[in-house]
Amino acid sequence: MDKLIACCGLDCATCDARIATVADDDKLREETAKKWKEQFNAPNILPETINCTGCREEGAKFAHCYECEIRNCVTNKGYATCADCDSLESCQIVGEVLKFVPEALENLKKLN
């Protein structure tokens, strides 16, 4: 499977929201909503909100994409991803993602 790297370096191709959207899989939407409600303590996540084609792709976006501080920073700076920023490895905004998902940093480094 090809990678689809988000602004932060996460691989959207492996995201359950994108997989459910592309496959139009309502069962996966239900499972993802349940999992994310618990994982993120977010009771407002419902199966019908699980629609996303990827944060840098045309099409549907998960509600969080519009308020994502990382995505907004990248967009405001005119970058494609955090890989374009000289502050990548010292940035506090993307740092939380990179701390918990080191693969995201590797994905970003491979883009340059």
C-alpha atoms as a PDB file:
ATOM      1  CA  MET A   1       0.000   0.000   0.000  1.00  0.00           C
ATOM      2  CA  ASP A   2       1.324   3.438  -0.904  1.00  0.00           C
ATOM      3  CA  LYS A   3       1.675   5.963   1.869  1.00  0.00           C
ATOM      4  CA  LEU A   4      -0.453   9.099   1.916  1.00  0.00           C
ATOM      5  CA  ILE A   5       1.427  11.416   4.242  1.00  0.00           C
ATOM      6  CA  ALA A   6      -0.544  13.976   6.241  1.00  0.00           C
ATOM      7  CA  CYS A   7       0.761  17.424   7.184  1.00  0.00           C
ATOM      8  CA  CYS A   8       2.075  15.971  10.472  1.00  0.00           C
ATOM      9  CA  GLY A   9       3.650  12.869   8.944  1.00  0.00           C
ATOM     10  CA  LEU A  10       0.949  10.361   9.864  1.00  0.00           C
ATOM     11  CA  ASP A  11       0.014   7.989   7.060  1.00  0.00           C
ATOM     12  CA  CYS A  12      -3.581   8.739   6.040  1.00  0.00           C
ATOM     13  CA  ALA A  13      -3.615   5.565   3.924  1.00  0.00           C
ATOM     14  CA  THR A  14      -3.723   3.527   7.145  1.00  0.00           C
ATOM     15  CA  CYS A  15      -6.341   5.683   8.894  1.00  0.00           C
ATOM     16  CA  ASP A  16      -9.640   3.931   9.576  1.00  0.00           C
ATOM     17  CA  ALA A  17     -11.605   7.095   8.740  1.00  0.00           C
ATOM     18  CA  ARG A  18     -10.060   7.277   5.271  1.00  0.00           C
ATOM     19  CA  ILE A  19     -10.403   3.537   4.698  1.00  0.00           C
ATOM     20  CA  ALA A  20     -14.080   3.667   5.705  1.00  0.00           C
ATOM     21  CA  THR A  21     -14.686   6.679   3.466  1.00  0.00           C
ATOM     22  CA  VAL A  22     -12.996   5.238   0.392  1.00  0.00           C
ATOM     23  CA  ALA A  23     -14.692   1.848   0.841  1.00  0.00           C
ATOM     24  CA  ASP A  24     -17.997   3.418   1.959  1.00  0.00           C
ATOM     25  CA  ASP A  25     -17.884   0.983   4.887  1.00  0.00           C
ATOM     26  CA  ASP A  26     -20.525   1.858   7.484  1.00  0.00           C
ATOM     27  CA  LYS A  27     -19.467  -0.969   9.808  1.00  0.00           C
ATOM     28  CA  LEU A  28     -15.919   0.414   9.954  1.00  0.00           C
ATOM     29  CA  ARG A  29     -17.352   3.909  10.526  1.00  0.00           C
ATOM     30  CA  GLU A  30     -19.285   2.569  13.546  1.00  0.00           C
ATOM     31  CA  GLU A  31     -16.231   0.749  14.925  1.00  0.00           C
ATOM     32  CA  THR A  32     -13.991   3.778  14.416  1.00  0.00           C
ATOM     33  CA  ALA A  33     -16.450   6.168  16.042  1.00  0.00           C
ATOM     34  CA  LYS A  34     -16.739   3.898  19.073  1.00  0.00           C
ATOM     35  CA  LYS A  35     -12.966   3.493  19.359  1.00  0.00           C
ATOM     36  CA  TRP A  36     -12.222   7.218  18.930  1.00  0.00           C
ATOM     37  CA  LYS A  37     -14.968   8.255  21.385  1.00  0.00           C
ATOM     38  CA  GLU A  38     -13.186   6.262  24.065  1.00  0.00           C
ATOM     39  CA  GLN A  39      -9.614   6.955  22.966  1.00  0.00           C
ATOM     40  CA  PHE A  40     -10.074  10.723  22.693  1.00  0.00           C
ATOM     41  CA  ASN A  41     -12.855  11.151  25.281  1.00  0.00           C
ATOM     42  CA  ALA A  42     -14.959  12.726  22.552  1.00  0.00           C
ATOM     43  CA  PRO A  43     -18.644  11.804  22.837  1.00  0.00           C
ATOM     44  CA  ASN A  44     -19.522  13.886  19.768  1.00  0.00           C
ATOM     45  CA  ILE A  45     -17.792  11.461  17.393  1.00  0.00           C
ATOM     46  CA  LEU A  46     -20.549   9.588  15.595  1.00  0.00           C
ATOM     47  CA  PRO A  47     -20.399   7.093  12.724  1.00  0.00           C
ATOM     48  CA  GLU A  48     -21.737   9.749  10.334  1.00  0.00           C
ATOM     49  CA  THR A  49     -18.789  12.014  11.225  1.00  0.00           C
ATOM     50  CA  ILE A  50     -16.282   9.388  10.100  1.00  0.00           C
ATOM     51  CA  ASN A  51     -15.633  10.690   6.599  1.00  0.00           C
ATOM     52  CA  CYS A  52     -12.200  11.754   5.400  1.00  0.00           C
ATOM     53  CA  THR A  53     -10.127  11.351   2.268  1.00  0.00           C
ATOM     54  CA  GLY A  54      -6.934  12.575   3.942  1.00  0.00           C
ATOM     55  CA  CYS A  55      -5.919  15.979   5.234  1.00  0.00           C
ATOM     56  CA  ARG A  56      -3.999  16.921   2.080  1.00  0.00           C
ATOM     57  CA  GLU A  57      -6.374  15.301  -0.411  1.00  0.00           C
ATOM     58  CA  GLU A  58      -9.428  16.745  -2.111  1.00  0.00           C
ATOM     59  CA  GLY A  59     -12.718  15.638  -0.671  1.00  0.00           C
ATOM     60  CA  ALA A  60     -14.247  14.995   2.730  1.00  0.00           C
ATOM     61  CA  LYS A  61     -12.404  15.879   5.921  1.00  0.00           C
ATOM     62  CA  PHE A  62     -12.917  14.618   9.449  1.00  0.00           C
ATOM     63  CA  ALA A  63     -14.124  17.500  11.635  1.00  0.00           C
ATOM     64  CA  HIS A  64     -10.808  17.649  13.520  1.00  0.00           C
ATOM     65  CA  CYS A  65      -8.923  18.409  10.281  1.00  0.00           C
ATOM     66  CA  TYR A  66     -10.463  21.882  10.158  1.00  0.00           C
ATOM     67  CA  GLU A  67      -9.310  22.739  13.668  1.00  0.00           C
ATOM     68  CA  CYS A  68      -6.004  20.842  13.571  1.00  0.00           C
ATOM     69  CA  GLU A  69      -3.293  23.230  14.726  1.00  0.00           C
ATOM     70  CA  ILE A  70      -0.677  21.366  12.683  1.00  0.00           C
ATOM     71  CA  ARG A  71      -2.673  21.424   9.444  1.00  0.00           C
ATOM     72  CA  ASN A  72      -3.542  25.104   9.964  1.00  0.00           C
ATOM     73  CA  CYS A  73       0.112  25.998  10.589  1.00  0.00           C
ATOM     74  CA  VAL A  74       1.254  24.170   7.452  1.00  0.00           C
ATOM     75  CA  THR A  75      -1.490  25.808   5.375  1.00  0.00           C
ATOM     76  CA  ASN A  76      -0.826  29.299   6.752  1.00  0.00           C
ATOM     77  CA  LYS A  77       2.877  28.982   5.950  1.00  0.00           C
ATOM     78  CA  GLY A  78       2.128  27.744   2.421  1.00  0.00           C
ATOM     79  CA  TYR A  79       3.848  24.408   3.003  1.00  0.00           C
ATOM     80  CA  ALA A  80       2.782  20.961   1.829  1.00  0.00           C
ATOM     81  CA  THR A  81       3.743  19.283   5.134  1.00  0.00           C
ATOM     82  CA  CYS A  82       5.804  19.942   8.227  1.00  0.00           C
ATOM     83  CA  ALA A  83       8.761  18.525   6.277  1.00  0.00           C
ATOM     84  CA  ASP A  84       9.008  21.891   4.509  1.00  0.00           C
ATOM     85  CA  CYS A  85       9.618  23.720   7.806  1.00  0.00           C
ATOM     86  CA  ASP A  86      13.114  24.353   9.172  1.00  0.00           C
ATOM     87  CA  SER A  87      11.743  23.955  12.715  1.00  0.00           C
ATOM     88  CA  LEU A  88      10.408  20.429  12.166  1.00  0.00           C
ATOM     89  CA  GLU A  89      12.387  18.656  14.860  1.00  0.00           C
ATOM     90  CA  SER A  90      12.088  21.424  17.466  1.00  0.00           C
ATOM     91  CA  CYS A  91       8.462  22.384  16.801  1.00  0.00           C
ATOM     92  CA  GLN A  92       6.152  22.097  19.787  1.00  0.00           C
ATOM     93  CA  ILE A  93       3.048  22.022  17.584  1.00  0.00           C
ATOM     94  CA  VAL A  94       3.904  18.807  15.744  1.00  0.00           C
ATOM     95  CA  GLY A  95       6.117  17.551  18.554  1.00  0.00           C
ATOM     96  CA  GLU A  96       3.317  15.760  20.398  1.00  0.00           C
ATOM     97  CA  VAL A  97       2.519  13.653  17.332  1.00  0.00           C
ATOM     98  CA  LEU A  98       6.176  12.908  16.671  1.00  0.00           C
ATOM     99  CA  LYS A  99       6.739  11.937  20.322  1.00  0.00           C
ATOM    100  CA  PHE A 100       4.004   9.296  20.225  1.00  0.00           C
ATOM    101  CA  VAL A 101       4.392   8.228  16.574  1.00  0.00           C
ATOM    102  CA  PRO A 102       8.107   8.335  15.658  1.00  0.00           C
ATOM    103  CA  GLU A 103       7.259   6.863  12.254  1.00  0.00           C
ATOM    104  CA  ALA A 104       5.620  10.203  11.407  1.00  0.00           C
ATOM    105  CA  LEU A 105       8.995  11.964  11.622  1.00  0.00           C
ATOM    106  CA  GLU A 106      10.556   9.324   9.391  1.00  0.00           C
ATOM    107  CA  ASN A 107       7.715   9.751   6.881  1.00  0.00           C
ATOM    108  CA  LEU A 108       8.319  13.505   6.809  1.00  0.00           C
ATOM    109  CA  LYS A 109      12.085  13.131   6.415  1.00  0.00           C
ATOM    110  CA  LYS A 110      11.554  10.830   3.434  1.00  0.00           C
ATOM    111  CA  LEU A 111       9.561  13.565   1.668  1.00  0.00           C
ATOM    112  CA  ASN A 112      12.652  15.802   1.312  1.00  0.00           C
END
